[in-house]
PDB file of N, CA and C in Angstrom:
ATOM      1  N   MET A   1      72.766 -54.538  24.198  1.00  0.00           N
ATOM      2  CA  MET A   1      72.203 -55.987  24.750  1.00  0.00           C
ATOM      3  C   MET A   1      73.513 -56.451  25.246  1.00  0.00           C
ATOM      4  N   ILE A   2      74.746 -56.645  24.384  1.00  0.00           N
ATOM      5  CA  ILE A   2      75.843 -56.992  24.807  1.00  0.00           C
ATOM      6  C   ILE A   2      76.344 -56.473  25.755  1.00  0.00           C
ATOM      7  N   VAL A   3      76.406 -55.089  26.455  1.00  0.00           N
ATOM      8  CA  VAL A   3      77.317 -54.597  27.795  1.00  0.00           C
ATOM      9  C   VAL A   3      76.007 -54.439  28.077  1.00  0.00           C
ATOM     10  N   GLY A   4      74.660 -54.622  28.305  1.00  0.00           N
ATOM     11  CA  GLY A   4      73.668 -54.813  29.916  1.00  0.00           C
ATOM     12  C   GLY A   4      73.014 -52.930  29.297  1.00  0.00           C
ATOM     13  N   ALA A   5      73.046 -52.365  28.594  1.00  0.00           N
ATOM     14  CA  ALA A   5      72.554 -50.775  28.662  1.00  0.00           C
ATOM     15  C   ALA A   5      71.360 -51.368  27.743  1.00  0.00           C
ATOM     16  N   ASN A   6      70.413 -49.798  27.762  1.00  0.00           N
ATOM     17  CA  ASN A   6      69.170 -49.313  26.948  1.00  0.00           C
ATOM     18  C   ASN A   6      69.590 -48.068  25.350  1.00  0.00           C
ATOM     19  N   THR A   7      69.045 -48.510  25.103  1.00  0.00           N
ATOM     20  CA  THR A   7      69.031 -47.954  23.656  1.00  0.00           C
ATOM     21  C   THR A   7      69.552 -46.327  23.949  1.00  0.00           C
ATOM     22  N   SER A   8      68.763 -45.685  24.597  1.00  0.00           N
ATOM     23  CA  SER A   8      68.855 -44.410  25.126  1.00  0.00           C
ATOM     24  C   SER A   8      70.164 -44.311  25.762  1.00  0.00           C
ATOM     25  N   ASP A   9      71.070 -45.049  27.450  1.00  0.00           N
ATOM     26  CA  ASP A   9      72.023 -45.182  27.577  1.00  0.00           C
ATOM     27  C   ASP A   9      72.861 -44.590  26.580  1.00  0.00           C
ATOM     28  N   ILE A  10      73.208 -45.823  25.638  1.00  0.00           N
ATOM     29  CA  ILE A  10      73.649 -45.914  24.372  1.00  0.00           C
ATOM     30  C   ILE A  10      74.207 -44.605  23.633  1.00  0.00           C
ATOM     31  N   SER A  11      72.276 -44.295  23.138  1.00  0.00           N
ATOM     32  CA  SER A  11      72.129 -42.740  22.308  1.00  0.00           C
ATOM     33  C   SER A  11      73.213 -41.315  22.399  1.00  0.00           C
ATOM     34  N   GLN A  12      73.080 -41.730  24.560  1.00  0.00           N
ATOM     35  CA  GLN A  12      73.704 -39.954  25.227  1.00  0.00           C
ATOM     36  C   GLN A  12      75.080 -40.479  24.900  1.00  0.00           C
ATOM     37  N   ARG A  13      76.121 -41.422  24.493  1.00  0.00           N
ATOM     38  CA  ARG A  13      77.041 -41.457  24.563  1.00  0.00           C
ATOM     39  C   ARG A  13      77.597 -40.753  22.942  1.00  0.00           C
ATOM     40  N   ARG A  14      78.513 -39.962  23.764  1.00  0.00           N
ATOM     41  CA  ARG A  14      78.989 -38.826  22.315  1.00  0.00           C
ATOM     42  C   ARG A  14      79.619 -39.696  21.073  1.00  0.00           C
ATOM     43  N   ALA A  15      79.869 -40.347  20.778  1.00  0.00           N
ATOM     44  CA  ALA A  15      80.529 -41.373  20.104  1.00  0.00           C
ATOM     45  C   ALA A  15      79.249 -42.097  19.082  1.00  0.00           C
ATOM     46  N   PHE A  16      78.525 -42.518  20.005  1.00  0.00           N
ATOM     47  CA  PHE A  16      77.477 -42.995  19.107  1.00  0.00           C
ATOM     48  C   PHE A  16      76.392 -41.885  18.561  1.00  0.00           C
ATOM     49  N   ARG A  17      76.304 -41.115  19.611  1.00  0.00           N
ATOM     50  CA  ARG A  17      75.802 -39.863  18.517  1.00  0.00           C
ATOM     51  C   ARG A  17      75.979 -39.239  17.664  1.00  0.00           C
ATOM     52  N   GLU A  18      77.520 -38.640  17.488  1.00  0.00           N
ATOM     53  CA  GLU A  18      78.181 -38.616  16.408  1.00  0.00           C
ATOM     54  C   GLU A  18      78.661 -39.859  15.220  1.00  0.00           C
ATOM     55  N   ALA A  19      78.314 -41.033  15.278  1.00  0.00           N
ATOM     56  CA  ALA A  19      78.256 -41.927  14.600  1.00  0.00           C
ATOM     57  C   ALA A  19      77.203 -42.112  13.624  1.00  0.00           C
ATOM     58  N   ILE A  20      75.606 -42.346  14.315  1.00  0.00           N
ATOM     59  CA  ILE A  20      74.646 -41.766  13.726  1.00  0.00           C
ATOM     60  C   ILE A  20      74.434 -40.649  12.936  1.00  0.00           C
ATOM     61  N   ALA A  21      74.466 -39.738  13.187  1.00  0.00           N
ATOM     62  CA  ALA A  21      74.539 -37.939  12.688  1.00  0.00           C
ATOM     63  C   ALA A  21      75.563 -37.962  11.451  1.00  0.00           C
ATOM     64  N   SER A  22      76.804 -38.269  11.332  1.00  0.00           N
ATOM     65  CA  SER A  22      77.916 -38.742  10.202  1.00  0.00           C
ATOM     66  C   SER A  22      76.904 -39.596   9.497  1.00  0.00           C
ATOM     67  N   ALA A  23      76.415 -40.435   9.578  1.00  0.00           N
ATOM     68  CA  ALA A  23      75.558 -41.696   8.719  1.00  0.00           C
ATOM     69  C   ALA A  23      74.836 -41.299   7.545  1.00  0.00           C
ATOM     70  N   THR A  24      73.755 -39.899   8.865  1.00  0.00           N
ATOM     71  CA  THR A  24      72.869 -39.405   8.003  1.00  0.00           C
ATOM     72  C   THR A  24      73.159 -38.161   8.173  1.00  0.00           C
ATOM     73  N   PRO A  25      74.122 -37.312   7.570  1.00  0.00           N
ATOM     74  CA  PRO A  25      74.572 -36.214   7.579  1.00  0.00           C
ATOM     75  C   PRO A  25      73.112 -35.043   7.261  1.00  0.00           C
ATOM     76  N   ARG A  26      73.421 -34.120   8.109  1.00  0.00           N
ATOM     77  CA  ARG A  26      72.651 -33.034   7.756  1.00  0.00           C
ATOM     78  C   ARG A  26      72.294 -32.074   6.713  1.00  0.00           C
ATOM     79  N   LEU A  27      71.498 -31.590   6.520  1.00  0.00           N
ATOM     80  CA  LEU A  27      71.586 -31.355   4.436  1.00  0.00           C
ATOM     81  C   LEU A  27      71.695 -30.130   5.093  1.00  0.00           C
ATOM     82  N   PRO A  28      72.717 -29.146   4.192  1.00  0.00           N
ATOM     83  CA  PRO A  28      73.105 -27.444   4.491  1.00  0.00           C
ATOM     84  C   PRO A  28      71.000 -27.211   3.507  1.00  0.00           C
ATOM     85  N   GLY A  29      70.890 -26.191   5.011  1.00  0.00           N
ATOM     86  CA  GLY A  29      69.706 -25.580   4.978  1.00  0.00           C
ATOM     87  C   GLY A  29      68.357 -26.732   5.807  1.00  0.00           C
ATOM     88  N   GLN A  30      68.320 -27.823   6.462  1.00  0.00           N
ATOM     89  CA  GLN A  30      68.007 -28.637   6.751  1.00  0.00           C
ATOM     90  C   GLN A  30      67.126 -28.340   7.836  1.00  0.00           C
ATOM     91  N   SER A  31      66.312 -28.723   8.177  1.00  0.00           N
ATOM     92  CA  SER A  31      65.021 -28.201   9.983  1.00  0.00           C
ATOM     93  C   SER A  31      65.404 -29.304  10.424  1.00  0.00           C
ATOM     94  N   PRO A  32      65.565 -29.125  11.587  1.00  0.00           N
ATOM     95  CA  PRO A  32      66.210 -30.052  12.844  1.00  0.00           C
ATOM     96  C   PRO A  32      64.974 -31.316  12.265  1.00  0.00           C
ATOM     97  N   GLY A  33      63.851 -30.960  12.232  1.00  0.00           N
ATOM     98  CA  GLY A  33      62.561 -31.856  12.273  1.00  0.00           C
ATOM     99  C   GLY A  33      63.374 -32.946  10.785  1.00  0.00           C
ATOM    100  N   ALA A  34      62.882 -32.145   9.931  1.00  0.00           N
ATOM    101  CA  ALA A  34      63.337 -32.418   8.352  1.00  0.00           C
ATOM    102  C   ALA A  34      64.870 -34.250   8.605  1.00  0.00           C
ATOM    103  N   SER A  35      65.797 -33.387   9.637  1.00  0.00           N
ATOM    104  CA  SER A  35      67.048 -33.704   9.970  1.00  0.00           C
ATOM    105  C   SER A  35      66.720 -35.249  10.489  1.00  0.00           C
ATOM    106  N   ALA A  36      65.659 -35.226  11.400  1.00  0.00           N
ATOM    107  CA  ALA A  36      65.102 -36.351  12.347  1.00  0.00           C
ATOM    108  C   ALA A  36      64.502 -36.874  11.592  1.00  0.00           C
ATOM    109  N   ASP A  37      63.894 -36.450  10.744  1.00  0.00           N
ATOM    110  CA  ASP A  37      62.993 -38.148   9.744  1.00  0.00           C
ATOM    111  C   ASP A  37      63.652 -38.591   8.817  1.00  0.00           C
ATOM    112  N   ALA A  38      65.197 -38.378   8.360  1.00  0.00           N
ATOM    113  CA  ALA A  38      66.409 -39.252   7.944  1.00  0.00           C
ATOM    114  C   ALA A  38      66.669 -39.734   8.705  1.00  0.00           C
ATOM    115  N   LEU A  39      67.000 -39.288  10.198  1.00  0.00           N
ATOM    116  CA  LEU A  39      68.083 -40.347  10.998  1.00  0.00           C
ATOM    117  C   LEU A  39      66.424 -41.678  11.330  1.00  0.00           C
ATOM    118  N   ARG A  40      65.683 -41.553  11.336  1.00  0.00           N
ATOM    119  CA  ARG A  40      64.145 -42.186  12.013  1.00  0.00           C
ATOM    120  C   ARG A  40      64.423 -43.387  10.534  1.00  0.00           C
ATOM    121  N   GLU A  41      64.470 -43.121   9.630  1.00  0.00           N
ATOM    122  CA  GLU A  41      64.269 -43.607   8.316  1.00  0.00           C
ATOM    123  C   GLU A  41      65.967 -44.569   8.391  1.00  0.00           C
ATOM    124  N   ALA A  42      66.665 -44.127   8.814  1.00  0.00           N
ATOM    125  CA  ALA A  42      67.941 -44.585   8.497  1.00  0.00           C
ATOM    126  C   ALA A  42      68.403 -45.652   9.718  1.00  0.00           C
ATOM    127  N   GLU A  43      67.912 -45.079  11.035  1.00  0.00           N
ATOM    128  CA  GLU A  43      68.062 -46.040  12.589  1.00  0.00           C
ATOM    129  C   GLU A  43      66.587 -46.229  12.919  1.00  0.00           C
ATOM    130  N   PRO A  44      65.049 -46.818  12.057  1.00  0.00           N
ATOM    131  CA  PRO A  44      64.232 -46.862  12.741  1.00  0.00           C
ATOM    132  C   PRO A  44      64.036 -47.627  14.404  1.00  0.00           C
ATOM    133  N   VAL A  45      64.949 -47.765  15.097  1.00  0.00           N
ATOM    134  CA  VAL A  45      64.930 -47.856  16.578  1.00  0.00           C
ATOM    135  C   VAL A  45      64.999 -46.598  17.346  1.00  0.00           C
ATOM    136  N   LEU A  46      65.723 -45.630  16.394  1.00  0.00           N
ATOM    137  CA  LEU A  46      66.201 -44.638  17.246  1.00  0.00           C
ATOM    138  C   LEU A  46      64.751 -43.664  18.064  1.00  0.00           C
ATOM    139  N   SER A  47      64.839 -43.255  19.312  1.00  0.00           N
ATOM    140  CA  SER A  47      63.385 -43.226  19.683  1.00  0.00           C
ATOM    141  C   SER A  47      63.623 -41.487  19.681  1.00  0.00           C
ATOM    142  N   VAL A  48      62.004 -41.156  19.832  1.00  0.00           N
ATOM    143  CA  VAL A  48      62.254 -39.250  19.671  1.00  0.00           C
ATOM    144  C   VAL A  48      63.152 -38.681  20.595  1.00  0.00           C
ATOM    145  N   ALA A  49      63.277 -39.168  21.951  1.00  0.00           N
ATOM    146  CA  ALA A  49      64.013 -38.109  22.544  1.00  0.00           C
ATOM    147  C   ALA A  49      65.998 -38.379  21.949  1.00  0.00           C
ATOM    148  N   ASP A  50      66.628 -39.217  21.793  1.00  0.00           N
ATOM    149  CA  ASP A  50      67.128 -39.825  21.315  1.00  0.00           C
ATOM    150  C   ASP A  50      67.681 -39.035  20.114  1.00  0.00           C
ATOM    151  N   ALA A  51      67.008 -38.821  18.931  1.00  0.00           N
ATOM    152  CA  ALA A  51      66.649 -38.205  17.729  1.00  0.00           C
ATOM    153  C   ALA A  51      66.821 -36.591  18.027  1.00  0.00           C
ATOM    154  N   ALA A  52      65.702 -36.043  18.578  1.00  0.00           N
ATOM    155  CA  ALA A  52      66.316 -34.732  19.619  1.00  0.00           C
ATOM    156  C   ALA A  52      67.665 -34.105  19.888  1.00  0.00           C
ATOM    157  N   VAL A  53      67.936 -35.400  21.011  1.00  0.00           N
ATOM    158  CA  VAL A  53      69.518 -35.029  21.946  1.00  0.00           C
ATOM    159  C   VAL A  53      70.210 -35.153  19.632  1.00  0.00           C
ATOM    160  N   ILE A  54      70.370 -35.792  19.004  1.00  0.00           N
ATOM    161  CA  ILE A  54      71.449 -36.004  18.006  1.00  0.00           C
ATOM    162  C   ILE A  54      70.803 -34.555  17.065  1.00  0.00           C
ATOM    163  N   VAL A  55      69.330 -34.213  16.506  1.00  0.00           N
ATOM    164  CA  VAL A  55      69.497 -32.898  15.853  1.00  0.00           C
ATOM    165  C   VAL A  55      69.424 -31.852  16.696  1.00  0.00           C
ATOM    166  N   ARG A  56      69.628 -31.532  17.867  1.00  0.00           N
ATOM    167  CA  ARG A  56      69.681 -30.498  18.758  1.00  0.00           C
ATOM    168  C   ARG A  56      67.982 -29.634  18.920  1.00  0.00           C
ATOM    169  N   ALA A  57      67.275 -31.128  19.112  1.00  0.00           N
ATOM    170  CA  ALA A  57      65.583 -30.264  19.091  1.00  0.00           C
ATOM    171  C   ALA A  57      65.151 -30.891  20.571  1.00  0.00           C
ATOM    172  N   ASN A  58      63.980 -30.024  20.519  1.00  0.00           N
ATOM    173  CA  ASN A  58      63.314 -31.100  21.759  1.00  0.00           C
ATOM    174  C   ASN A  58      62.061 -31.875  21.093  1.00  0.00           C
ATOM    175  N   ASN A  59      62.013 -32.931  22.278  1.00  0.00           N
ATOM    176  CA  ASN A  59      61.335 -34.195  22.379  1.00  0.00           C
ATOM    177  C   ASN A  59      60.006 -33.270  21.411  1.00  0.00           C
ATOM    178  N   SER A  60      59.561 -32.463  22.459  1.00  0.00           N
ATOM    179  CA  SER A  60      57.746 -32.024  21.353  1.00  0.00           C
ATOM    180  C   SER A  60      57.931 -31.656  20.042  1.00  0.00           C
ATOM    181  N   ASP A  61      59.033 -30.893  19.795  1.00  0.00           N
ATOM    182  CA  ASP A  61      59.206 -30.824  18.151  1.00  0.00           C
ATOM    183  C   ASP A  61      59.512 -31.904  17.081  1.00  0.00           C
ATOM    184  N   ILE A  62      60.495 -32.571  17.611  1.00  0.00           N
ATOM    185  CA  ILE A  62      60.174 -34.099  16.899  1.00  0.00           C
ATOM    186  C   ILE A  62      59.187 -35.468  16.619  1.00  0.00           C
ATOM    187  N   ALA A  63      58.151 -35.045  18.148  1.00  0.00           N
ATOM    188  CA  ALA A  63      57.233 -36.518  18.111  1.00  0.00           C
ATOM    189  C   ALA A  63      56.097 -35.688  17.136  1.00  0.00           C
ATOM    190  N   ARG A  64      55.869 -34.282  17.043  1.00  0.00           N
ATOM    191  CA  ARG A  64      55.250 -33.816  16.351  1.00  0.00           C
ATOM    192  C   ARG A  64      55.285 -34.080  14.769  1.00  0.00           C
ATOM    193  N   ARG A  65      56.428 -34.812  14.078  1.00  0.00           N
ATOM    194  CA  ARG A  65      56.522 -34.723  13.059  1.00  0.00           C
ATOM    195  C   ARG A  65      55.808 -36.359  12.624  1.00  0.00           C
ATOM    196  N   ARG A  66      54.779 -36.323  11.189  1.00  0.00           N
ATOM    197  CA  ARG A  66      54.384 -37.549  10.736  1.00  0.00           C
ATOM    198  C   ARG A  66      55.630 -38.346  10.945  1.00  0.00           C
ATOM    199  N   ALA A  67      56.650 -38.246  10.018  1.00  0.00           N
ATOM    200  CA  ALA A  67      57.252 -40.125  10.599  1.00  0.00           C
ATOM    201  C   ALA A  67      57.615 -39.916  12.014  1.00  0.00           C
ATOM    202  N   PHE A  68      57.907 -39.438  12.539  1.00  0.00           N
ATOM    203  CA  PHE A  68      58.050 -40.526  14.271  1.00  0.00           C
ATOM    204  C   PHE A  68      56.423 -40.913  14.823  1.00  0.00           C
ATOM    205  N   ARG A  69      55.459 -40.058  14.331  1.00  0.00           N
ATOM    206  CA  ARG A  69      54.086 -40.650  15.316  1.00  0.00           C
ATOM    207  C   ARG A  69      53.568 -41.758  14.031  1.00  0.00           C
ATOM    208  N   GLU A  70      53.634 -41.887  12.725  1.00  0.00           N
ATOM    209  CA  GLU A  70      53.261 -43.235  12.214  1.00  0.00           C
ATOM    210  C   GLU A  70      54.490 -43.940  12.779  1.00  0.00           C
ATOM    211  N   ALA A  71      55.919 -43.995  13.342  1.00  0.00           N
ATOM    212  CA  ALA A  71      56.865 -44.758  13.241  1.00  0.00           C
ATOM    213  C   ALA A  71      56.105 -45.295  14.742  1.00  0.00           C
ATOM    214  N   ILE A  72      55.964 -44.801  15.270  1.00  0.00           N
ATOM    215  CA  ILE A  72      55.256 -45.446  17.179  1.00  0.00           C
ATOM    216  C   ILE A  72      54.233 -45.920  16.942  1.00  0.00           C
ATOM    217  N   ALA A  73      53.578 -45.590  16.389  1.00  0.00           N
ATOM    218  CA  ALA A  73      52.485 -46.112  16.530  1.00  0.00           C
ATOM    219  C   ALA A  73      52.078 -47.226  15.509  1.00  0.00           C
ATOM    220  N   SER A  74      52.939 -47.581  14.732  1.00  0.00           N
ATOM    221  CA  SER A  74      53.514 -49.000  13.788  1.00  0.00           C
ATOM    222  C   SER A  74      54.297 -49.641  14.633  1.00  0.00           C
ATOM    223  N   ALA A  75      55.088 -49.396  15.416  1.00  0.00           N
ATOM    224  CA  ALA A  75      56.106 -49.948  16.829  1.00  0.00           C
ATOM    225  C   ALA A  75      55.251 -50.211  17.564  1.00  0.00           C
ATOM    226  N   THR A  76      54.394 -49.958  18.643  1.00  0.00           N
ATOM    227  CA  THR A  76      53.757 -50.404  19.822  1.00  0.00           C
ATOM    228  C   THR A  76      51.638 -50.470  18.292  1.00  0.00           C
ATOM    229  N   PRO A  77      51.712 -50.991  17.909  1.00  0.00           N
ATOM    230  CA  PRO A  77      49.969 -50.910  17.071  1.00  0.00           C
ATOM    231  C   PRO A  77      48.723 -51.154  18.245  1.00  0.00           C
ATOM    232  N   ARG A  78      47.960 -50.568  18.097  1.00  0.00           N
ATOM    233  CA  ARG A  78      46.522 -50.556  19.173  1.00  0.00           C
ATOM    234  C   ARG A  78      45.646 -52.138  18.446  1.00  0.00           C
ATOM    235  N   LEU A  79      46.151 -52.940  19.304  1.00  0.00           N
ATOM    236  CA  LEU A  79      45.212 -54.234  19.514  1.00  0.00           C
ATOM    237  C   LEU A  79      43.508 -53.903  19.189  1.00  0.00           C
ATOM    238  N   PRO A  80      43.271 -55.089  18.763  1.00  0.00           N
ATOM    239  CA  PRO A  80      42.283 -55.153  18.352  1.00  0.00           C
ATOM    240  C   PRO A  80      40.971 -55.073  19.662  1.00  0.00           C
ATOM    241  N   GLY A  81      40.147 -53.861  19.584  1.00  0.00           N
ATOM    242  CA  GLY A  81      39.533 -53.829  21.128  1.00  0.00           C
ATOM    243  C   GLY A  81      40.093 -53.481  22.387  1.00  0.00           C
ATOM    244  N   GLN A  82      41.595 -52.265  21.737  1.00  0.00           N
ATOM    245  CA  GLN A  82      42.154 -52.149  23.471  1.00  0.00           C
ATOM    246  C   GLN A  82      41.759 -50.419  23.090  1.00  0.00           C
ATOM    247  N   SER A  83      41.591 -49.815  24.167  1.00  0.00           N
ATOM    248  CA  SER A  83      41.149 -48.410  24.693  1.00  0.00           C
ATOM    249  C   SER A  83      41.941 -47.451  24.228  1.00  0.00           C
ATOM    250  N   ASN A  84      41.250 -46.697  24.109  1.00  0.00           N
ATOM    251  CA  ASN A  84      42.776 -45.240  23.919  1.00  0.00           C
ATOM    252  C   ASN A  84      43.330 -45.742  25.136  1.00  0.00           C
ATOM    253  N   ARG A  85      43.292 -45.423  26.566  1.00  0.00           N
ATOM    254  CA  ARG A  85      44.023 -45.235  27.350  1.00  0.00           C
ATOM    255  C   ARG A  85      44.787 -46.249  27.297  1.00  0.00           C
ATOM    256  N   ALA A  86      44.368 -48.072  27.400  1.00  0.00           N
ATOM    257  CA  ALA A  86      45.593 -49.112  27.739  1.00  0.00           C
ATOM    258  C   ALA A  86      46.669 -48.726  26.571  1.00  0.00           C
ATOM    259  N   TRP A  87      45.882 -48.393  25.319  1.00  0.00           N
ATOM    260  CA  TRP A  87      46.537 -47.798  23.906  1.00  0.00           C
ATOM    261  C   TRP A  87      48.465 -46.613  24.953  1.00  0.00           C
ATOM    262  N   ALA A  88      47.484 -45.678  24.817  1.00  0.00           N
ATOM    263  CA  ALA A  88      47.860 -44.685  25.469  1.00  0.00           C
ATOM    264  C   ALA A  88      49.460 -45.448  26.006  1.00  0.00           C
ATOM    265  N   ALA A  89      49.119 -45.867  27.097  1.00  0.00           N
ATOM    266  CA  ALA A  89      50.231 -46.684  28.313  1.00  0.00           C
ATOM    267  C   ALA A  89      51.136 -47.416  27.148  1.00  0.00           C
ATOM    268  N   ALA A  90      50.189 -48.143  26.296  1.00  0.00           N
ATOM    269  CA  ALA A  90      51.229 -48.840  25.624  1.00  0.00           C
ATOM    270  C   ALA A  90      52.554 -48.783  24.930  1.00  0.00           C
ATOM    271  N   LEU A  91      51.837 -47.296  24.179  1.00  0.00           N
ATOM    272  CA  LEU A  91      52.706 -46.119  23.550  1.00  0.00           C
ATOM    273  C   LEU A  91      53.998 -45.266  24.815  1.00  0.00           C
ATOM    274  N   ARG A  92      53.518 -45.403  26.352  1.00  0.00           N
ATOM    275  CA  ARG A  92      54.483 -44.660  26.636  1.00  0.00           C
ATOM    276  C   ARG A  92      55.414 -45.669  27.249  1.00  0.00           C
ATOM    277  N   ALA A  93      54.630 -46.485  27.711  1.00  0.00           N
ATOM    278  CA  ALA A  93      55.749 -47.506  27.893  1.00  0.00           C
ATOM    279  C   ALA A  93      56.718 -47.964  26.976  1.00  0.00           C
ATOM    280  N   ALA A  94      56.308 -47.915  25.532  1.00  0.00           N
ATOM    281  CA  ALA A  94      57.321 -47.991  24.127  1.00  0.00           C
ATOM    282  C   ALA A  94      58.574 -46.819  24.542  1.00  0.00           C
ATOM    283  N   GLU A  95      58.158 -45.672  24.757  1.00  0.00           N
ATOM    284  CA  GLU A  95      58.642 -44.622  24.223  1.00  0.00           C
ATOM    285  C   GLU A  95      57.955 -43.583  25.848  1.00  0.00           C
ATOM    286  N   PRO A  96      59.192 -43.810  26.702  1.00  0.00           N
ATOM    287  CA  PRO A  96      59.281 -43.570  27.984  1.00  0.00           C
ATOM    288  C   PRO A  96      58.960 -41.904  27.975  1.00  0.00           C
ATOM    289  N   GLY A  97      60.213 -41.029  27.036  1.00  0.00           N
ATOM    290  CA  GLY A  97      59.641 -39.565  26.422  1.00  0.00           C
ATOM    291  C   GLY A  97      59.278 -38.819  26.309  1.00  0.00           C
ATOM    292  N   LEU A  98      58.161 -39.535  25.674  1.00  0.00           N
ATOM    293  CA  LEU A  98      56.845 -38.666  24.482  1.00  0.00           C
ATOM    294  C   LEU A  98      56.004 -38.161  26.276  1.00  0.00           C
ATOM    295  N   SER A  99      55.325 -36.958  25.798  1.00  0.00           N
ATOM    296  CA  SER A  99      54.962 -36.327  27.265  1.00  0.00           C
ATOM    297  C   SER A  99      53.059 -36.842  26.527  1.00  0.00           C
ATOM    298  N   ALA A 100      52.429 -36.960  27.888  1.00  0.00           N
ATOM    299  CA  ALA A 100      50.830 -36.623  27.531  1.00  0.00           C
ATOM    300  C   ALA A 100      50.237 -36.733  26.178  1.00  0.00           C
ATOM    301  N   ALA A 101      50.555 -34.903  26.035  1.00  0.00           N
ATOM    302  CA  ALA A 101      49.900 -34.444  24.630  1.00  0.00           C
ATOM    303  C   ALA A 101      50.517 -35.149  23.599  1.00  0.00           C
ATOM    304  N   GLU A 102      51.589 -35.019  23.625  1.00  0.00           N
ATOM    305  CA  GLU A 102      52.141 -36.008  22.447  1.00  0.00           C
ATOM    306  C   GLU A 102      51.782 -37.586  22.184  1.00  0.00           C
ATOM    307  N   ILE A 103      51.759 -38.721  23.184  1.00  0.00           N
ATOM    308  CA  ILE A 103      50.749 -39.480  23.206  1.00  0.00           C
ATOM    309  C   ILE A 103      49.381 -39.237  22.521  1.00  0.00           C
ATOM    310  N   ALA A 104      48.473 -38.266  23.263  1.00  0.00           N
ATOM    311  CA  ALA A 104      47.587 -38.157  22.478  1.00  0.00           C
ATOM    312  C   ALA A 104      46.831 -37.910  21.032  1.00  0.00           C
ATOM    313  N   ARG A 105      48.211 -36.915  20.687  1.00  0.00           N
ATOM    314  CA  ARG A 105      48.326 -36.714  19.088  1.00  0.00           C
ATOM    315  C   ARG A 105      48.569 -38.184  18.405  1.00  0.00           C
ATOM    316  N   ILE A 106      49.107 -38.737  19.084  1.00  0.00           N
ATOM    317  CA  ILE A 106      49.047 -40.216  17.869  1.00  0.00           C
ATOM    318  C   ILE A 106      47.654 -40.349  18.338  1.00  0.00           C
ATOM    319  N   VAL A 107      47.469 -41.325  19.581  1.00  0.00           N
ATOM    320  CA  VAL A 107      45.791 -41.387  19.605  1.00  0.00           C
ATOM    321  C   VAL A 107      45.050 -40.793  18.713  1.00  0.00           C
ATOM    322  N   ARG A 108      44.594 -39.774  18.930  1.00  0.00           N
ATOM    323  CA  ARG A 108      43.728 -39.226  17.757  1.00  0.00           C
ATOM    324  C   ARG A 108      44.175 -39.049  16.564  1.00  0.00           C
ATOM    325  N   ALA A 109      45.312 -39.067  15.844  1.00  0.00           N
ATOM    326  CA  ALA A 109      45.427 -38.994  14.224  1.00  0.00           C
ATOM    327  C   ALA A 109      45.473 -41.061  14.004  1.00  0.00           C
ATOM    328  N   SER A 110      45.303 -41.358  14.745  1.00  0.00           N
ATOM    329  CA  SER A 110      44.534 -42.657  14.409  1.00  0.00           C
ATOM    330  C   SER A 110      43.454 -43.211  14.588  1.00  0.00           C
ATOM    331  N   GLU A 111      42.602 -42.147  14.904  1.00  0.00           N
ATOM    332  CA  GLU A 111      41.105 -42.258  14.374  1.00  0.00           C
ATOM    333  C   GLU A 111      40.805 -42.202  13.524  1.00  0.00           C
ATOM    334  N   GLY A 112      41.113 -41.111  12.862  1.00  0.00           N
ATOM    335  CA  GLY A 112      40.980 -41.636  11.453  1.00  0.00           C
ATOM    336  C   GLY A 112      40.142 -39.675  11.579  1.00  0.00           C
ATOM    337  N   PRO A 113      39.792 -39.092  10.249  1.00  0.00           N
ATOM    338  CA  PRO A 113      38.463 -37.590  10.355  1.00  0.00           C
ATOM    339  C   PRO A 113      37.235 -38.040  11.403  1.00  0.00           C
ATOM    340  N   PRO A 114      37.202 -36.826  11.764  1.00  0.00           N
ATOM    341  CA  PRO A 114      35.860 -37.060  12.654  1.00  0.00           C
ATOM    342  C   PRO A 114      34.674 -37.141  11.780  1.00  0.00           C
ATOM    343  N   ALA A 115      33.682 -37.845  12.091  1.00  0.00           N
ATOM    344  CA  ALA A 115      31.932 -38.325  11.760  1.00  0.00           C
ATOM    345  C   ALA A 115      31.153 -36.589  11.616  1.00  0.00           C
ATOM    346  N   SER A 116      30.697 -36.006  10.431  1.00  0.00           N
ATOM    347  CA  SER A 116      30.305 -35.485   9.840  1.00  0.00           C
ATOM    348  C   SER A 116      28.516 -35.207  10.768  1.00  0.00           C
ATOM    349  N   SER A 117      29.247 -33.982  10.879  1.00  0.00           N
ATOM    350  CA  SER A 117      27.865 -33.468  12.017  1.00  0.00           C
ATOM    351  C   SER A 117      26.276 -33.390  11.222  1.00  0.00           C
ATOM    352  N   SER A 118      25.952 -33.687  10.321  1.00  0.00           N
ATOM    353  CA  SER A 118      25.015 -33.429   9.223  1.00  0.00           C
ATOM    354  C   SER A 118      24.372 -34.970   8.380  1.00  0.00           C
TER     355      SER A 118
END
């Protein structure tokens, strides 16, 4: 906000990535996904794309993580009566780096288990 840039622009700068990574270092043997979960917990505003850059993983691997799906869904909650399509558009606006498949995964996860056919 101070310099007139968005979070993604700032997180792409090496000094910021290194500062975030050093504040929540990757533990020996820790997977990139688990490391990204720890980063998201320490920096709740960190986007999927930013976390992926820091832990050197792809967006899709990070977006599949339960911690990220839940954080994204809670940061942009479904409004009462909001359709899946409208909520998906709101999720895309909040996290532009997410693919359509990743957004669909978040929307489906919020719907609960499928109804029994019996």
